[in-house]
Amino acid sequence: MTQFIEDRVVMRGSPSLLVGFHKGLNGTMTANVAGRPVAIVTGAARGIGRACVVALAEAGFQVVAHDREGEEERELLRALGAEVRVVQGDVADLGRHGEIVDAAIAAWGRLDCLVNNAGVGAMRRGDLLDVTPESFDRCMGVNTRGVFFLSQAAARRMLEQGGGGGQHRSIINITSSNAAAVSVSRGEYCVSKCASSMTTTLFAVRLAEAGIGVYEVRPGIIETDMTRPVKERYDALIAGGGVPMGRWGKPEDVAAVVRAMAEGKLPYTVGEAVTVDGGLTVPRF
């Protein structure tokens, strides 16, 4: 069951931000920071998700941070000093998606941005002919089904809200360079991310008329927990010129692009996919 943990403090240097109240889903009166947009970030405990929470909070967003963990989000809130609500749960549990969206509405009465960041890799890298149904279904459950149906829940709520009062509204899907580039040793991961790329395009076209931007970010080799087990392999790839920029990507590199998208800095684009990989997937000969 999804567990709600309310940890909210005012952004440092802004003691006068708490200026109003609205009635939450449980009938209680909760504080609302007038005029500030609200975002949901999944997979928020560490890595790219954590960096996105920080970047959006710094941009003035109030944030629902969703992850399966708990204590690391608490530490994040204490360090950040931001208006953030933590929601624990598994994004693969489709029956709980309503609660994730409702957390934003209950706390602040609106939803302006969803960042679908939560993701899992292959259970074991190896021969494509040895991929198990369990590993395939795990990737699809989180990376594809979770993204599709949480986007659906968020889109419905954004449309119910109306025009957004001039605030840019967005759905941002974190996929992977493997949405386009083949990695035979983790085929199930590639398939799940490729499907999420199509999810981005579908929702982008469906929501364009309503002014809701739907975007995709394709990270390359980013220094996170997911890439730590293959660090030596990627170190060698980078040292050998596989990444023209000559370095690992940082979660903050991805978060900077997410922030720009959330702030509406990609006007007149529909389903735009931005690759953040230091040139890894640029065709060369």
Protein backbone atom coordinates (compact mmCIF):
# COMPACT_ATOMS: atom_id res chain seq x y z
CA MET A 1 0.00 0.00 0.00
CA THR A 2 1.22 3.48 -0.78
CA GLN A 3 2.30 5.34 2.33
CA PHE A 4 2.09 9.11 2.59
CA ILE A 5 4.76 10.90 4.60
CA GLU A 6 4.19 14.63 4.92
CA ASP A 7 7.44 16.58 5.23
CA ARG A 8 7.00 20.18 4.21
CA VAL A 9 9.09 23.22 4.99
CA VAL A 10 9.28 26.63 3.38
CA MET A 11 12.01 27.30 0.82
CA ARG A 12 14.97 29.03 2.44
CA GLY A 13 14.92 32.78 2.08
CA SER A 14 11.16 32.86 1.36
CA PRO A 15 9.43 33.10 4.74
CA SER A 16 6.33 34.75 3.30
CA LEU A 17 5.46 32.11 0.69
CA LEU A 18 2.76 30.36 2.71
CA VAL A 19 -0.13 32.68 1.99
CA GLY A 20 -3.29 30.59 1.66
CA PHE A 21 -5.12 27.34 2.39
CA HIS A 22 -7.32 24.93 0.46
CA LYS A 23 -9.33 21.87 1.38
CA GLY A 24 -7.47 18.59 0.77
CA LEU A 25 -8.97 15.26 -0.29
CA ASN A 26 -9.48 14.20 3.33
CA GLY A 27 -11.37 17.39 4.15
CA THR A 28 -8.52 19.00 6.09
CA MET A 29 -7.19 22.46 5.34
CA THR A 30 -3.67 22.35 3.94
CA ALA A 31 -1.25 25.15 3.18
CA ASN A 32 -0.89 26.30 -0.39
CA VAL A 33 1.91 28.40 -1.80
CA ALA A 34 0.08 30.74 -4.14
CA GLY A 35 1.27 30.89 -7.69
CA ARG A 36 3.90 28.19 -7.43
CA PRO A 37 3.66 25.22 -9.84
CA VAL A 38 3.48 21.62 -8.65
CA ALA A 39 5.44 18.65 -9.99
CA ILE A 40 5.53 14.89 -9.40
CA VAL A 41 8.87 13.09 -9.77
CA THR A 42 9.01 9.30 -9.67
CA GLY A 43 12.13 7.38 -8.72
CA ALA A 44 13.01 10.42 -6.62
CA ALA A 45 15.22 8.89 -3.94
CA ARG A 46 18.53 8.95 -5.76
CA GLY A 47 20.37 9.54 -9.02
CA ILE A 48 18.54 11.32 -11.81
CA GLY A 49 15.28 11.50 -9.87
CA ARG A 50 16.90 13.14 -6.87
CA ALA A 51 18.63 15.66 -9.13
CA CYS A 52 15.29 16.45 -10.80
CA VAL A 53 13.63 17.10 -7.43
CA VAL A 54 16.42 19.51 -6.52
CA ALA A 55 16.36 21.27 -9.91
CA LEU A 56 12.59 21.72 -9.90
CA ALA A 57 12.53 22.91 -6.30
CA GLU A 58 15.20 25.45 -7.14
CA ALA A 59 13.03 26.55 -10.06
CA GLY A 60 10.18 27.25 -7.65
CA PHE A 61 8.16 24.05 -8.00
CA GLN A 62 6.48 22.31 -5.11
CA VAL A 63 7.27 18.63 -5.54
CA VAL A 64 5.72 15.25 -4.81
CA ALA A 65 8.70 12.89 -4.56
CA HIS A 66 7.67 9.29 -5.26
CA ASP A 67 9.81 6.22 -4.70
CA ARG A 68 9.80 2.80 -3.10
CA GLU A 69 12.21 4.05 -0.44
CA GLY A 70 11.56 6.42 2.44
CA GLU A 71 14.48 7.55 4.54
CA GLU A 72 16.55 8.92 1.65
CA GLU A 73 13.70 11.23 0.65
CA ARG A 74 13.52 12.51 4.20
CA GLU A 75 17.23 13.31 4.08
CA LEU A 76 16.71 15.06 0.75
CA LEU A 77 14.02 17.29 2.23
CA ARG A 78 16.14 18.25 5.19
CA ALA A 79 19.06 19.12 2.93
CA LEU A 80 17.01 20.97 0.32
CA GLY A 81 14.72 22.99 2.53
CA ALA A 82 11.98 22.78 -0.09
CA GLU A 83 8.22 22.39 -0.16
CA VAL A 84 8.09 18.67 -0.92
CA ARG A 85 5.73 15.83 -0.09
CA VAL A 86 7.05 12.27 -0.08
CA VAL A 87 4.90 9.41 -1.35
CA GLN A 88 6.13 5.84 -1.02
CA GLY A 89 5.05 3.13 -3.43
CA ASP A 90 5.87 1.15 -6.56
CA VAL A 91 5.09 2.85 -9.87
CA ALA A 92 4.41 -0.61 -11.33
CA ASP A 93 1.36 -0.82 -9.04
CA LEU A 94 -1.14 0.77 -11.41
CA GLY A 95 -3.90 0.72 -8.81
CA ARG A 96 -2.00 3.29 -6.74
CA HIS A 97 -1.41 5.83 -9.50
CA GLY A 98 -4.43 7.83 -8.44
CA GLU A 99 -2.93 8.25 -5.00
CA ILE A 100 0.28 9.70 -6.46
CA VAL A 101 -1.66 12.34 -8.38
CA ASP A 102 -4.01 12.92 -5.45
CA ALA A 103 -1.02 13.67 -3.20
CA ALA A 104 -0.25 16.76 -5.29
CA ILE A 105 -3.87 17.89 -5.32
CA ALA A 106 -4.32 17.28 -1.58
CA ALA A 107 -1.21 19.27 -0.73
CA TRP A 108 -1.44 22.15 -3.20
CA GLY A 109 -4.63 21.87 -5.24
CA ARG A 110 -2.98 21.55 -8.66
CA LEU A 111 -0.64 19.55 -10.87
CA ASP A 112 1.56 21.15 -13.53
CA CYS A 113 4.35 18.67 -14.27
CA LEU A 114 4.96 14.92 -14.16
CA VAL A 115 8.49 13.55 -14.47
CA ASN A 116 8.38 9.82 -15.20
CA ASN A 117 11.86 8.91 -14.03
CA ALA A 118 11.43 5.62 -12.16
CA GLY A 119 13.06 2.77 -14.06
CA VAL A 120 14.69 -0.61 -13.69
CA GLY A 121 17.35 -2.41 -15.70
CA ALA A 122 17.64 -6.00 -16.83
CA MET A 123 17.82 -8.44 -13.94
CA ARG A 124 20.96 -9.88 -15.52
CA ARG A 125 22.94 -8.80 -18.58
CA GLY A 126 23.69 -11.59 -21.00
CA ASP A 127 22.67 -13.31 -24.20
CA LEU A 128 19.42 -12.10 -25.74
CA LEU A 129 18.45 -15.76 -26.11
CA ASP A 130 18.56 -16.16 -22.33
CA VAL A 131 16.22 -13.29 -21.39
CA THR A 132 13.64 -14.55 -18.91
CA PRO A 133 9.94 -13.64 -18.84
CA GLU A 134 10.45 -12.40 -15.27
CA SER A 135 13.11 -9.88 -16.29
CA PHE A 136 11.13 -8.84 -19.38
CA ASP A 137 7.94 -8.31 -17.40
CA ARG A 138 9.79 -6.38 -14.70
CA CYS A 139 11.18 -3.92 -17.24
CA MET A 140 7.86 -3.54 -18.98
CA GLY A 141 5.97 -3.15 -15.69
CA VAL A 142 8.01 -0.19 -14.49
CA ASN A 143 9.54 1.33 -17.62
CA THR A 144 6.54 1.01 -19.93
CA ARG A 145 3.25 0.28 -18.15
CA GLY A 146 4.10 2.53 -15.23
CA VAL A 147 5.00 5.42 -17.52
CA PHE A 148 1.95 5.01 -19.77
CA PHE A 149 -0.68 4.77 -17.07
CA LEU A 150 0.76 7.38 -14.72
CA SER A 151 0.92 9.74 -17.70
CA GLN A 152 -2.72 8.92 -18.34
CA ALA A 153 -3.71 9.69 -14.75
CA ALA A 154 -1.74 12.95 -14.72
CA ALA A 155 -3.07 14.04 -18.11
CA ARG A 156 -6.67 13.51 -17.03
CA ARG A 157 -6.11 15.65 -13.94
CA MET A 158 -4.37 18.42 -15.89
CA LEU A 159 -7.22 18.53 -18.38
CA GLU A 160 -9.76 18.70 -15.56
CA GLN A 161 -7.90 21.71 -14.14
CA GLY A 162 -8.30 23.70 -17.34
CA GLY A 163 -5.78 26.06 -18.87
CA GLY A 164 -3.29 26.23 -16.02
CA GLY A 165 -3.54 30.01 -15.54
CA GLY A 166 -0.57 30.71 -17.79
CA GLN A 167 1.66 28.11 -16.12
CA HIS A 168 3.30 25.71 -18.58
CA ARG A 169 2.15 22.13 -18.01
CA SER A 170 4.21 19.13 -18.99
CA ILE A 171 4.82 15.40 -18.88
CA ILE A 172 8.50 14.48 -19.14
CA ASN A 173 9.58 10.89 -19.70
CA ILE A 174 13.11 9.81 -18.86
CA THR A 175 13.88 6.98 -21.28
CA SER A 176 17.41 6.08 -22.37
CA SER A 177 19.81 6.24 -25.29
CA ASN A 178 18.74 2.59 -25.62
CA ALA A 179 15.37 3.79 -26.85
CA ALA A 180 17.22 4.01 -30.17
CA ALA A 181 20.63 2.38 -29.71
CA VAL A 182 20.74 -1.42 -29.49
CA SER A 183 22.26 -3.22 -26.51
CA VAL A 184 21.87 -6.94 -27.14
CA SER A 185 23.01 -7.83 -23.61
CA ARG A 186 19.89 -6.20 -22.14
CA GLY A 187 17.25 -6.52 -24.78
CA GLU A 188 14.29 -6.34 -22.41
CA TYR A 189 15.47 -2.94 -21.18
CA CYS A 190 15.80 -1.64 -24.75
CA VAL A 191 12.31 -2.83 -25.66
CA SER A 192 10.76 -1.18 -22.58
CA LYS A 193 12.47 2.16 -23.21
CA CYS A 194 11.64 2.12 -26.91
CA ALA A 195 7.99 1.60 -25.99
CA SER A 196 8.13 4.55 -23.61
CA SER A 197 9.50 6.67 -26.42
CA MET A 198 6.35 5.90 -28.41
CA THR A 199 4.29 6.67 -25.29
CA THR A 200 5.86 10.14 -25.32
CA THR A 201 4.89 10.71 -28.96
CA LEU A 202 1.34 9.46 -28.46
CA PHE A 203 0.63 11.64 -25.42
CA ALA A 204 2.38 14.61 -27.05
CA VAL A 205 0.01 14.53 -30.02
CA ARG A 206 -3.05 13.88 -27.85
CA LEU A 207 -2.33 16.76 -25.46
CA ALA A 208 -0.82 19.33 -27.84
CA GLU A 209 -4.09 21.14 -28.45
CA ALA A 210 -4.53 21.58 -24.70
CA GLY A 211 -1.12 23.21 -24.44
CA ILE A 212 0.41 20.40 -22.40
CA GLY A 213 3.96 19.68 -23.50
CA VAL A 214 5.09 16.06 -23.53
CA TYR A 215 8.81 15.47 -23.85
CA GLU A 216 11.40 12.73 -23.72
CA VAL A 217 14.91 12.81 -22.26
CA ARG A 218 17.34 10.10 -23.36
CA PRO A 219 20.27 9.84 -20.94
CA GLY A 220 23.44 8.09 -21.97
CA ILE A 221 26.13 6.88 -19.55
CA ILE A 222 25.12 8.61 -16.33
CA GLU A 223 26.86 8.07 -13.01
CA THR A 224 24.12 6.41 -10.93
CA ASP A 225 23.47 3.26 -8.90
CA MET A 226 22.22 1.54 -12.06
CA THR A 227 25.53 1.99 -13.89
CA ARG A 228 27.83 1.31 -10.92
CA PRO A 229 28.05 -2.47 -11.55
CA VAL A 230 29.47 -1.85 -15.05
CA LYS A 231 31.64 1.13 -14.19
CA GLU A 232 34.88 -0.45 -15.43
CA ARG A 233 33.33 -1.24 -18.80
CA TYR A 234 32.05 2.29 -19.25
CA ASP A 235 35.31 3.82 -17.99
CA ALA A 236 37.08 1.94 -20.78
CA LEU A 237 34.49 3.00 -23.35
CA ILE A 238 34.88 6.66 -22.42
CA ALA A 239 38.68 6.44 -22.30
CA GLY A 240 38.61 4.91 -25.78
CA GLY A 241 36.71 7.84 -27.27
CA GLY A 242 33.25 6.31 -27.17
CA VAL A 243 31.87 9.50 -25.63
CA PRO A 244 33.14 12.57 -27.53
CA MET A 245 32.82 14.80 -24.46
CA GLY A 246 35.18 12.44 -22.67
CA ARG A 247 33.40 12.10 -19.35
CA TRP A 248 30.59 10.40 -17.48
CA GLY A 249 27.27 12.17 -17.44
CA LYS A 250 25.98 13.49 -14.13
CA PRO A 251 22.39 13.31 -12.89
CA GLU A 252 22.45 17.10 -12.86
CA ASP A 253 23.09 17.10 -16.62
CA VAL A 254 19.76 15.36 -17.12
CA ALA A 255 17.97 17.44 -14.50
CA ALA A 256 18.99 20.67 -16.25
CA VAL A 257 17.14 19.54 -19.38
CA VAL A 258 14.12 18.43 -17.36
CA ARG A 259 13.98 21.83 -15.67
CA ALA A 260 14.04 23.62 -19.03
CA MET A 261 11.19 21.45 -20.29
CA ALA A 262 9.14 21.96 -17.13
CA GLU A 263 9.62 25.71 -17.36
CA GLY A 264 8.28 25.73 -20.94
CA LYS A 265 11.54 26.62 -22.63
CA LEU A 266 10.87 24.35 -25.61
CA PRO A 267 7.95 26.24 -27.15
CA TYR A 268 6.32 25.06 -30.35
CA THR A 269 7.66 21.52 -29.97
CA VAL A 270 5.58 18.36 -29.76
CA GLY A 271 7.08 15.13 -28.42
CA GLU A 272 10.60 16.50 -28.55
CA ALA A 273 13.29 13.98 -27.53
CA VAL A 274 16.53 15.41 -26.15
CA THR A 275 19.55 13.13 -25.96
CA VAL A 276 21.84 13.79 -22.99
CA ASP A 277 24.77 11.48 -23.66
CA GLY A 278 27.85 13.57 -24.39
CA GLY A 279 27.75 12.44 -28.02
CA LEU A 280 27.66 8.69 -27.31
CA THR A 281 25.00 7.94 -29.93
CA VAL A 282 26.09 10.44 -32.58
CA PRO A 283 26.75 8.43 -35.77
CA ARG A 284 30.46 8.43 -36.64
CA PHE A 285 32.77 6.62 -39.03
